[in-house]
Structure formats: C-alpha cells, structure tokens
Amino acid sequence: MGHTLTLDVPEDVYQALIQQAEQTGQPPESVAVQLLVTATQQRGDDPLEQFIGAFRSHAADWADQHDTYLGKAAQSSMDPATSKGQPDA
C-alpha cells in the first residue's frame, strides 16, 4: 500500500530533480521516490550500525575528523621510527 507525501523542497533541489527526470524520461515524482528508496535502504543496511556507541573514544570530534585520525595512525604504523616490533636502524 502506498502513501501520499507532500514535500516543500528548495528551488535548487527541485531543479535538480526536474533535470534528472528529464534525463531519465520519468516524472519527477518517480525520480523522487527512487531517491528516497535508495536513501532509506542504504541507511537500513549499515553492517556497522550494531557497533555504534559500543566503543569508548577519548576524541570528541572523531566522527568529524576520522580521516585525519586514521591517516595519522596509518602514517605512524609505516614510520620505522615509531613502528612497534621493528628493529632500530
């Protein structure tokens, strides 16, 4: 069973929706439904969702800066001077 949903979207979002509808030859409503289905399926199928909040982090900005932290960790693991288990030169 379907449901009717009325949305008030900004002009730029509407124009992008119209453009995509014209490119695919579908009505804007069909394109919007496909985009909503894709967005809700991706969010619902997150295999890591069960781990959200499971680990304590001392960095309050980890969610925003995860690339920076992961990059630093990767860099230090490749640096022979700081890498554990590597003999000193």
PDB file of N, CA and C in Angstrom:
ATOM      1  N   MET A   1       0.843  -1.176   0.000  1.00  0.00           N
ATOM      2  CA  MET A   1       0.000   0.000   0.000  1.00  0.00           C
ATOM      3  C   MET A   1       0.889   1.240   0.000  1.00  0.00           C
ATOM      4  N   GLY A   2       0.627   2.146  -0.880  1.00  0.00           N
ATOM      5  CA  GLY A   2       1.403   3.363  -0.977  1.00  0.00           C
ATOM      6  C   GLY A   2       0.816   4.473  -0.128  1.00  0.00           C
ATOM      7  N   HIS A   3       1.618   5.482   0.109  1.00  0.00           N
ATOM      8  CA  HIS A   3       1.195   6.654   0.875  1.00  0.00           C
ATOM      9  C   HIS A   3       1.529   7.898   0.080  1.00  0.00           C
ATOM     10  N   THR A   4       0.686   8.899   0.204  1.00  0.00           N
ATOM     11  CA  THR A   4       0.924  10.174  -0.448  1.00  0.00           C
ATOM     12  C   THR A   4       1.685  11.071   0.505  1.00  0.00           C
ATOM     13  N   LEU A   5       2.733  11.697  -0.020  1.00  0.00           N
ATOM     14  CA  LEU A   5       3.581  12.569   0.772  1.00  0.00           C
ATOM     15  C   LEU A   5       3.782  13.863  -0.001  1.00  0.00           C
ATOM     16  N   THR A   6       3.489  14.967   0.636  1.00  0.00           N
ATOM     17  CA  THR A   6       3.679  16.278   0.012  1.00  0.00           C
ATOM     18  C   THR A   6       4.911  16.919   0.617  1.00  0.00           C
ATOM     19  N   LEU A   7       5.863  17.306  -0.235  1.00  0.00           N
ATOM     20  CA  LEU A   7       7.124  17.883   0.223  1.00  0.00           C
ATOM     21  C   LEU A   7       7.283  19.302  -0.304  1.00  0.00           C
ATOM     22  N   ASP A   8       7.843  20.159   0.522  1.00  0.00           N
ATOM     23  CA  ASP A   8       8.211  21.511   0.108  1.00  0.00           C
ATOM     24  C   ASP A   8       9.735  21.541   0.052  1.00  0.00           C
ATOM     25  N   VAL A   9      10.281  21.527  -1.174  1.00  0.00           N
ATOM     26  CA  VAL A   9      11.729  21.444  -1.347  1.00  0.00           C
ATOM     27  C   VAL A   9      12.275  22.787  -1.848  1.00  0.00           C
ATOM     28  N   PRO A  10      13.536  23.083  -1.533  1.00  0.00           N
ATOM     29  CA  PRO A  10      14.151  24.312  -2.046  1.00  0.00           C
ATOM     30  C   PRO A  10      14.217  24.287  -3.578  1.00  0.00           C
ATOM     31  N   GLU A  11      14.300  25.450  -4.158  1.00  0.00           N
ATOM     32  CA  GLU A  11      14.304  25.587  -5.616  1.00  0.00           C
ATOM     33  C   GLU A  11      15.433  24.800  -6.273  1.00  0.00           C
ATOM     34  N   ASP A  12      16.647  24.845  -5.693  1.00  0.00           N
ATOM     35  CA  ASP A  12      17.767  24.137  -6.311  1.00  0.00           C
ATOM     36  C   ASP A  12      17.562  22.624  -6.292  1.00  0.00           C
ATOM     37  N   VAL A  13      16.949  22.109  -5.237  1.00  0.00           N
ATOM     38  CA  VAL A  13      16.660  20.673  -5.160  1.00  0.00           C
ATOM     39  C   VAL A  13      15.599  20.315  -6.205  1.00  0.00           C
ATOM     40  N   TYR A  14      14.592  21.158  -6.328  1.00  0.00           N
ATOM     41  CA  TYR A  14      13.528  20.909  -7.310  1.00  0.00           C
ATOM     42  C   TYR A  14      14.085  20.921  -8.728  1.00  0.00           C
ATOM     43  N   GLN A  15      14.937  21.887  -9.035  1.00  0.00           N
ATOM     44  CA  GLN A  15      15.507  21.963 -10.378  1.00  0.00           C
ATOM     45  C   GLN A  15      16.382  20.748 -10.683  1.00  0.00           C
ATOM     46  N   ALA A  16      17.144  20.287  -9.705  1.00  0.00           N
ATOM     47  CA  ALA A  16      17.957  19.086  -9.902  1.00  0.00           C
ATOM     48  C   ALA A  16      17.066  17.870 -10.136  1.00  0.00           C
ATOM     49  N   LEU A  17      15.958  17.805  -9.428  1.00  0.00           N
ATOM     50  CA  LEU A  17      15.008  16.706  -9.597  1.00  0.00           C
ATOM     51  C   LEU A  17      14.377  16.749 -10.991  1.00  0.00           C
ATOM     52  N   ILE A  18      13.993  17.918 -11.436  1.00  0.00           N
ATOM     53  CA  ILE A  18      13.413  18.086 -12.780  1.00  0.00           C
ATOM     54  C   ILE A  18      14.437  17.691 -13.839  1.00  0.00           C
ATOM     55  N   GLN A  19      15.674  18.118 -13.673  1.00  0.00           N
ATOM     56  CA  GLN A  19      16.718  17.795 -14.642  1.00  0.00           C
ATOM     57  C   GLN A  19      16.932  16.281 -14.731  1.00  0.00           C
ATOM     58  N   GLN A  20      16.987  15.619 -13.583  1.00  0.00           N
ATOM     59  CA  GLN A  20      17.177  14.164 -13.590  1.00  0.00           C
ATOM     60  C   GLN A  20      15.962  13.474 -14.200  1.00  0.00           C
ATOM     61  N   ALA A  21      14.779  13.999 -13.953  1.00  0.00           N
ATOM     62  CA  ALA A  21      13.560  13.418 -14.520  1.00  0.00           C
ATOM     63  C   ALA A  21      13.572  13.543 -16.045  1.00  0.00           C
ATOM     64  N   GLU A  22      14.002  14.681 -16.537  1.00  0.00           N
ATOM     65  CA  GLU A  22      14.078  14.876 -17.985  1.00  0.00           C
ATOM     66  C   GLU A  22      15.112  13.941 -18.615  1.00  0.00           C
ATOM     67  N   GLN A  23      16.244  13.744 -17.930  1.00  0.00           N
ATOM     68  CA  GLN A  23      17.296  12.874 -18.451  1.00  0.00           C
ATOM     69  C   GLN A  23      16.864  11.415 -18.502  1.00  0.00           C
ATOM     70  N   THR A  24      16.041  11.000 -17.546  1.00  0.00           N
ATOM     71  CA  THR A  24      15.616   9.600 -17.487  1.00  0.00           C
ATOM     72  C   THR A  24      14.275   9.357 -18.150  1.00  0.00           C
ATOM     73  N   GLY A  25      13.572  10.440 -18.529  1.00  0.00           N
ATOM     74  CA  GLY A  25      12.273  10.288 -19.170  1.00  0.00           C
ATOM     75  C   GLY A  25      11.185   9.839 -18.201  1.00  0.00           C
ATOM     76  N   GLN A  26      11.380  10.082 -16.924  1.00  0.00           N
ATOM     77  CA  GLN A  26      10.401   9.711 -15.909  1.00  0.00           C
ATOM     78  C   GLN A  26       9.805  10.968 -15.291  1.00  0.00           C
ATOM     79  N   PRO A  27       8.637  10.847 -14.693  1.00  0.00           N
ATOM     80  CA  PRO A  27       8.088  12.008 -13.989  1.00  0.00           C
ATOM     81  C   PRO A  27       8.915  12.305 -12.734  1.00  0.00           C
ATOM     82  N   PRO A  28       8.963  13.560 -12.320  1.00  0.00           N
ATOM     83  CA  PRO A  28       9.752  13.926 -11.141  1.00  0.00           C
ATOM     84  C   PRO A  28       9.354  13.126  -9.893  1.00  0.00           C
ATOM     85  N   GLU A  29       8.083  12.808  -9.772  1.00  0.00           N
ATOM     86  CA  GLU A  29       7.623  12.046  -8.609  1.00  0.00           C
ATOM     87  C   GLU A  29       8.271  10.664  -8.555  1.00  0.00           C
ATOM     88  N   SER A  30       8.419  10.018  -9.713  1.00  0.00           N
ATOM     89  CA  SER A  30       9.053   8.697  -9.755  1.00  0.00           C
ATOM     90  C   SER A  30      10.526   8.776  -9.387  1.00  0.00           C
ATOM     91  N   VAL A  31      11.190   9.815  -9.876  1.00  0.00           N
ATOM     92  CA  VAL A  31      12.611  10.001  -9.547  1.00  0.00           C
ATOM     93  C   VAL A  31      12.760  10.238  -8.055  1.00  0.00           C
ATOM     94  N   ALA A  32      11.883  11.068  -7.478  1.00  0.00           N
ATOM     95  CA  ALA A  32      11.945  11.357  -6.043  1.00  0.00           C
ATOM     96  C   ALA A  32      11.724  10.088  -5.226  1.00  0.00           C
ATOM     97  N   VAL A  33      10.780   9.258  -5.630  1.00  0.00           N
ATOM     98  CA  VAL A  33      10.523   8.005  -4.916  1.00  0.00           C
ATOM     99  C   VAL A  33      11.749   7.093  -4.992  1.00  0.00           C
ATOM    100  N   GLN A  34      12.356   6.993  -6.168  1.00  0.00           N
ATOM    101  CA  GLN A  34      13.556   6.149  -6.314  1.00  0.00           C
ATOM    102  C   GLN A  34      14.692   6.644  -5.418  1.00  0.00           C
ATOM    103  N   LEU A  35      14.877   7.960  -5.344  1.00  0.00           N
ATOM    104  CA  LEU A  35      15.919   8.524  -4.496  1.00  0.00           C
ATOM    105  C   LEU A  35      15.643   8.250  -3.020  1.00  0.00           C
ATOM    106  N   LEU A  36      14.386   8.371  -2.618  1.00  0.00           N
ATOM    107  CA  LEU A  36      14.024   8.083  -1.224  1.00  0.00           C
ATOM    108  C   LEU A  36      14.210   6.610  -0.888  1.00  0.00           C
ATOM    109  N   VAL A  37      13.839   5.735  -1.801  1.00  0.00           N
ATOM    110  CA  VAL A  37      14.016   4.297  -1.579  1.00  0.00           C
ATOM    111  C   VAL A  37      15.497   3.980  -1.417  1.00  0.00           C
ATOM    112  N   THR A  38      16.326   4.512  -2.293  1.00  0.00           N
ATOM    113  CA  THR A  38      17.771   4.276  -2.221  1.00  0.00           C
ATOM    114  C   THR A  38      18.342   4.795  -0.901  1.00  0.00           C
ATOM    115  N   ALA A  39      17.946   5.986  -0.505  1.00  0.00           N
ATOM    116  CA  ALA A  39      18.459   6.586   0.731  1.00  0.00           C
ATOM    117  C   ALA A  39      18.041   5.778   1.958  1.00  0.00           C
ATOM    118  N   THR A  40      16.821   5.304   1.991  1.00  0.00           N
ATOM    119  CA  THR A  40      16.368   4.555   3.166  1.00  0.00           C
ATOM    120  C   THR A  40      16.949   3.151   3.198  1.00  0.00           C
ATOM    121  N   GLN A  41      17.194   2.550   2.052  1.00  0.00           N
ATOM    122  CA  GLN A  41      17.789   1.213   2.024  1.00  0.00           C
ATOM    123  C   GLN A  41      19.244   1.265   2.457  1.00  0.00           C
ATOM    124  N   GLN A  42      19.978   2.261   2.012  1.00  0.00           N
ATOM    125  CA  GLN A  42      21.381   2.385   2.392  1.00  0.00           C
ATOM    126  C   GLN A  42      21.504   2.599   3.885  1.00  0.00           C
ATOM    127  N   ARG A  43      20.646   3.388   4.434  1.00  0.00           N
ATOM    128  CA  ARG A  43      20.703   3.672   5.860  1.00  0.00           C
ATOM    129  C   ARG A  43      20.321   2.436   6.669  1.00  0.00           C
ATOM    130  N   GLY A  44      19.388   1.665   6.194  1.00  0.00           N
ATOM    131  CA  GLY A  44      18.930   0.495   6.920  1.00  0.00           C
ATOM    132  C   GLY A  44      19.851  -0.692   6.815  1.00  0.00           C
ATOM    133  N   ASP A  45      20.725  -0.720   5.833  1.00  0.00           N
ATOM    134  CA  ASP A  45      21.594  -1.866   5.602  1.00  0.00           C
ATOM    135  C   ASP A  45      23.021  -1.627   6.066  1.00  0.00           C
ATOM    136  N   ASP A  46      23.237  -0.785   7.059  1.00  0.00           N
ATOM    137  CA  ASP A  46      24.584  -0.482   7.527  1.00  0.00           C
ATOM    138  C   ASP A  46      25.097  -1.623   8.390  1.00  0.00           C
ATOM    139  N   PRO A  47      26.084  -2.371   7.910  1.00  0.00           N
ATOM    140  CA  PRO A  47      26.564  -3.528   8.677  1.00  0.00           C
ATOM    141  C   PRO A  47      27.290  -3.136   9.957  1.00  0.00           C
ATOM    142  N   LEU A  48      27.697  -1.895  10.085  1.00  0.00           N
ATOM    143  CA  LEU A  48      28.416  -1.454  11.277  1.00  0.00           C
ATOM    144  C   LEU A  48      27.505  -0.785  12.299  1.00  0.00           C
ATOM    145  N   GLU A  49      26.228  -0.670  11.988  1.00  0.00           N
ATOM    146  CA  GLU A  49      25.310   0.032  12.883  1.00  0.00           C
ATOM    147  C   GLU A  49      25.277  -0.593  14.278  1.00  0.00           C
ATOM    148  N   GLN A  50      25.429  -1.897  14.358  1.00  0.00           N
ATOM    149  CA  GLN A  50      25.387  -2.555  15.660  1.00  0.00           C
ATOM    150  C   GLN A  50      26.535  -2.124  16.572  1.00  0.00           C
ATOM    151  N   PHE A  51      27.585  -1.552  16.001  1.00  0.00           N
ATOM    152  CA  PHE A  51      28.737  -1.136  16.788  1.00  0.00           C
ATOM    153  C   PHE A  51      28.697   0.339  17.198  1.00  0.00           C
ATOM    154  N   ILE A  52      27.700   1.075  16.728  1.00  0.00           N
ATOM    155  CA  ILE A  52      27.612   2.490  17.070  1.00  0.00           C
ATOM    156  C   ILE A  52      27.439   2.621  18.580  1.00  0.00           C
ATOM    157  N   GLY A  53      28.342   3.365  19.191  1.00  0.00           N
ATOM    158  CA  GLY A  53      28.303   3.576  20.627  1.00  0.00           C
ATOM    159  C   GLY A  53      28.904   2.454  21.448  1.00  0.00           C
ATOM    160  N   ALA A  54      29.431   1.424  20.801  1.00  0.00           N
ATOM    161  CA  ALA A  54      29.966   0.270  21.526  1.00  0.00           C
ATOM    162  C   ALA A  54      31.377   0.496  22.047  1.00  0.00           C
ATOM    163  N   PHE A  55      32.075   1.480  21.516  1.00  0.00           N
ATOM    164  CA  PHE A  55      33.457   1.701  21.887  1.00  0.00           C
ATOM    165  C   PHE A  55      33.641   3.099  22.465  1.00  0.00           C
ATOM    166  N   ARG A  56      34.446   3.197  23.476  1.00  0.00           N
ATOM    167  CA  ARG A  56      34.736   4.484  24.102  1.00  0.00           C
ATOM    168  C   ARG A  56      35.862   5.166  23.326  1.00  0.00           C
ATOM    169  N   SER A  57      35.678   6.435  23.071  1.00  0.00           N
ATOM    170  CA  SER A  57      36.692   7.217  22.374  1.00  0.00           C
ATOM    171  C   SER A  57      36.997   8.453  23.198  1.00  0.00           C
ATOM    172  N   HIS A  58      38.256   8.782  23.301  1.00  0.00           N
ATOM    173  CA  HIS A  58      38.636   9.970  24.056  1.00  0.00           C
ATOM    174  C   HIS A  58      38.631  11.211  23.175  1.00  0.00           C
ATOM    175  N   ALA A  59      38.405  11.040  21.900  1.00  0.00           N
ATOM    176  CA  ALA A  59      38.361  12.175  20.980  1.00  0.00           C
ATOM    177  C   ALA A  59      36.900  12.505  20.693  1.00  0.00           C
ATOM    178  N   ALA A  60      36.456  13.654  21.124  1.00  0.00           N
ATOM    179  CA  ALA A  60      35.059  14.040  20.953  1.00  0.00           C
ATOM    180  C   ALA A  60      34.711  14.327  19.493  1.00  0.00           C
ATOM    181  N   ASP A  61      35.710  14.667  18.686  1.00  0.00           N
ATOM    182  CA  ASP A  61      35.448  15.022  17.295  1.00  0.00           C
ATOM    183  C   ASP A  61      35.772  13.886  16.330  1.00  0.00           C
ATOM    184  N   TRP A  62      35.801  12.652  16.813  1.00  0.00           N
ATOM    185  CA  TRP A  62      36.204  11.530  15.982  1.00  0.00           C
ATOM    186  C   TRP A  62      35.311  11.384  14.757  1.00  0.00           C
ATOM    187  N   ALA A  63      34.021  11.582  14.900  1.00  0.00           N
ATOM    188  CA  ALA A  63      33.110  11.419  13.764  1.00  0.00           C
ATOM    189  C   ALA A  63      33.427  12.411  12.649  1.00  0.00           C
ATOM    190  N   ASP A  64      33.802  13.624  13.031  1.00  0.00           N
ATOM    191  CA  ASP A  64      34.109  14.652  12.036  1.00  0.00           C
ATOM    192  C   ASP A  64      35.528  14.551  11.499  1.00  0.00           C
ATOM    193  N   GLN A  65      36.444  14.031  12.296  1.00  0.00           N
ATOM    194  CA  GLN A  65      37.864  14.027  11.931  1.00  0.00           C
ATOM    195  C   GLN A  65      38.420  12.620  11.727  1.00  0.00           C
ATOM    196  N   HIS A  66      37.553  11.640  11.454  1.00  0.00           N
ATOM    197  CA  HIS A  66      38.032  10.256  11.372  1.00  0.00           C
ATOM    198  C   HIS A  66      39.092  10.057  10.299  1.00  0.00           C
ATOM    199  N   ASP A  67      38.982  10.737   9.180  1.00  0.00           N
ATOM    200  CA  ASP A  67      40.006  10.590   8.133  1.00  0.00           C
ATOM    201  C   ASP A  67      41.377  11.057   8.639  1.00  0.00           C
ATOM    202  N   THR A  68      41.372  12.151   9.369  1.00  0.00           N
ATOM    203  CA  THR A  68      42.630  12.666   9.913  1.00  0.00           C
ATOM    204  C   THR A  68      43.247  11.671  10.881  1.00  0.00           C
ATOM    205  N   TYR A  69      42.433  11.160  11.815  1.00  0.00           N
ATOM    206  CA  TYR A  69      42.946  10.213  12.803  1.00  0.00           C
ATOM    207  C   TYR A  69      43.420   8.913  12.154  1.00  0.00           C
ATOM    208  N   LEU A  70      42.644   8.405  11.194  1.00  0.00           N
ATOM    209  CA  LEU A  70      43.045   7.168  10.514  1.00  0.00           C
ATOM    210  C   LEU A  70      44.324   7.387   9.709  1.00  0.00           C
ATOM    211  N   GLY A  71      44.442   8.547   9.077  1.00  0.00           N
ATOM    212  CA  GLY A  71      45.650   8.859   8.311  1.00  0.00           C
ATOM    213  C   GLY A  71      46.880   8.931   9.199  1.00  0.00           C
ATOM    214  N   LYS A  72      46.732   9.567  10.362  1.00  0.00           N
ATOM    215  CA  LYS A  72      47.859   9.651  11.298  1.00  0.00           C
ATOM    216  C   LYS A  72      48.251   8.268  11.801  1.00  0.00           C
ATOM    217  N   ALA A  73      47.259   7.432  12.088  1.00  0.00           N
ATOM    218  CA  ALA A  73      47.548   6.082  12.566  1.00  0.00           C
ATOM    219  C   ALA A  73      48.253   5.268  11.482  1.00  0.00           C
ATOM    220  N   ALA A  74      47.792   5.386  10.243  1.00  0.00           N
ATOM    221  CA  ALA A  74      48.422   4.665   9.142  1.00  0.00           C
ATOM    222  C   ALA A  74      49.846   5.159   8.919  1.00  0.00           C
ATOM    223  N   GLN A  75      50.033   6.461   8.981  1.00  0.00           N
ATOM    224  CA  GLN A  75      51.362   7.033   8.783  1.00  0.00           C
ATOM    225  C   GLN A  75      52.322   6.573   9.866  1.00  0.00           C
ATOM    226  N   SER A  76      51.871   6.586  11.118  1.00  0.00           N
ATOM    227  CA  SER A  76      52.773   6.175  12.193  1.00  0.00           C
ATOM    228  C   SER A  76      53.063   4.679  12.139  1.00  0.00           C
ATOM    229  N   SER A  77      52.145   3.885  11.615  1.00  0.00           N
ATOM    230  CA  SER A  77      52.409   2.442  11.509  1.00  0.00           C
ATOM    231  C   SER A  77      53.423   2.138  10.401  1.00  0.00           C
ATOM    232  N   MET A  78      53.589   3.051   9.465  1.00  0.00           N
ATOM    233  CA  MET A  78      54.548   2.853   8.383  1.00  0.00           C
ATOM    234  C   MET A  78      55.891   3.509   8.671  1.00  0.00           C
ATOM    235  N   ASP A  79      55.937   4.323   9.712  1.00  0.00           N
ATOM    236  CA  ASP A  79      57.174   5.015  10.071  1.00  0.00           C
ATOM    237  C   ASP A  79      58.054   4.063  10.877  1.00  0.00           C
ATOM    238  N   PRO A  80      59.223   3.696  10.357  1.00  0.00           N
ATOM    239  CA  PRO A  80      60.084   2.742  11.050  1.00  0.00           C
ATOM    240  C   PRO A  80      60.500   3.216  12.439  1.00  0.00           C
ATOM    241  N   ALA A  81      60.571   4.500  12.657  1.00  0.00           N
ATOM    242  CA  ALA A  81      60.999   5.018  13.955  1.00  0.00           C
ATOM    243  C   ALA A  81      59.944   4.802  15.042  1.00  0.00           C
ATOM    244  N   THR A  82      58.661   4.744  14.631  1.00  0.00           N
ATOM    245  CA  THR A  82      57.603   4.603  15.619  1.00  0.00           C
ATOM    246  C   THR A  82      56.898   3.254  15.543  1.00  0.00           C
ATOM    247  N   SER A  83      57.213   2.464  14.544  1.00  0.00           N
ATOM    248  CA  SER A  83      56.544   1.188  14.362  1.00  0.00           C
ATOM    249  C   SER A  83      56.997   0.183  15.418  1.00  0.00           C
ATOM    250  N   LYS A  84      56.036  -0.498  16.040  1.00  0.00           N
ATOM    251  CA  LYS A  84      56.350  -1.479  17.069  1.00  0.00           C
ATOM    252  C   LYS A  84      56.876  -2.764  16.425  1.00  0.00           C
ATOM    253  N   GLY A  85      57.798  -3.372  17.087  1.00  0.00           N
ATOM    254  CA  GLY A  85      58.311  -4.652  16.622  1.00  0.00           C
ATOM    255  C   GLY A  85      59.376  -4.529  15.543  1.00  0.00           C
ATOM    256  N   GLN A  86      59.720  -3.339  15.190  1.00  0.00           N
ATOM    257  CA  GLN A  86      60.736  -3.136  14.174  1.00  0.00           C
ATOM    258  C   GLN A  86      62.061  -2.842  14.836  1.00  0.00           C
ATOM    259  N   PRO A  87      63.126  -3.448  14.399  1.00  0.00           N
ATOM    260  CA  PRO A  87      64.424  -3.148  14.980  1.00  0.00           C
ATOM    261  C   PRO A  87      64.862  -1.742  14.624  1.00  0.00           C
ATOM    262  N   ASP A  88      65.534  -1.094  15.563  1.00  0.00           N
ATOM    263  CA  ASP A  88      66.060   0.242  15.309  1.00  0.00           C
ATOM    264  C   ASP A  88      67.233   0.163  14.360  1.00  0.00           C
ATOM    265  N   ALA A  89      67.353   1.119  13.478  1.00  0.00           N
ATOM    266  CA  ALA A  89      68.439   1.115  12.493  1.00  0.00           C
ATOM    267  C   ALA A  89      69.708   1.665  13.064  1.00  0.00           C
TER     268      ALA A  89
END
